[in-house]
Amino acid sequence: MTIVTKINIFVTRITILCFSPNLKSGAHGT
């Protein structure tokens, strides 16, 4: 894999980790 590919996968995983809990607990309004 190229460096760009690794960065893209890393960013995607972080985005999923960040948004998945936010969608579930969005009502709490952190």
C-alpha atoms as a PDB file:
ATOM      1  CA  MET A   1       0.000   0.000   0.000  1.00  0.00           C
ATOM      2  CA  THR A   2       1.078   3.554  -0.637  1.00  0.00           C
ATOM      3  CA  ILE A   3       1.379   6.137   2.121  1.00  0.00           C
ATOM      4  CA  VAL A   4      -1.695   7.911   0.780  1.00  0.00           C
ATOM      5  CA  THR A   5      -3.723   4.722   0.997  1.00  0.00           C
ATOM      6  CA  LYS A   6      -2.646   4.164   4.596  1.00  0.00           C
ATOM      7  CA  ILE A   7      -3.612   7.729   5.498  1.00  0.00           C
ATOM      8  CA  ASN A   8      -6.986   7.371   3.803  1.00  0.00           C
ATOM      9  CA  ILE A   9      -7.740   4.148   5.698  1.00  0.00           C
ATOM     10  CA  PHE A  10      -6.587   5.711   8.974  1.00  0.00           C
ATOM     11  CA  VAL A  11      -8.759   8.792   8.471  1.00  0.00           C
ATOM     12  CA  THR A  12     -11.735   6.656   7.498  1.00  0.00           C
ATOM     13  CA  ARG A  13     -11.403   4.504  10.625  1.00  0.00           C
ATOM     14  CA  ILE A  14     -11.091   7.563  12.861  1.00  0.00           C
ATOM     15  CA  THR A  15     -14.098   9.159  11.192  1.00  0.00           C
ATOM     16  CA  ILE A  16     -16.200   6.034  11.747  1.00  0.00           C
ATOM     17  CA  LEU A  17     -15.083   5.802  15.373  1.00  0.00           C
ATOM     18  CA  CYS A  18     -15.924   9.466  15.908  1.00  0.00           C
ATOM     19  CA  PHE A  19     -19.273   9.565  14.140  1.00  0.00           C
ATOM     20  CA  SER A  20     -20.723   6.202  15.191  1.00  0.00           C
ATOM     21  CA  PRO A  21     -20.924   7.078  18.935  1.00  0.00           C
ATOM     22  CA  ASN A  22     -22.008  10.637  18.092  1.00  0.00           C
ATOM     23  CA  LEU A  23     -24.977   9.403  16.071  1.00  0.00           C
ATOM     24  CA  LYS A  24     -26.076   7.168  18.945  1.00  0.00           C
ATOM     25  CA  SER A  25     -25.504   9.666  21.776  1.00  0.00           C
ATOM     26  CA  GLY A  26     -26.220  12.813  19.785  1.00  0.00           C
ATOM     27  CA  ALA A  27     -29.216  13.532  22.007  1.00  0.00           C
ATOM     28  CA  HIS A  28     -26.867  14.147  24.940  1.00  0.00           C
ATOM     29  CA  GLY A  29     -25.255  17.001  22.999  1.00  0.00           C
ATOM     30  CA  THR A  30     -21.627  16.762  24.089  1.00  0.00           C
END
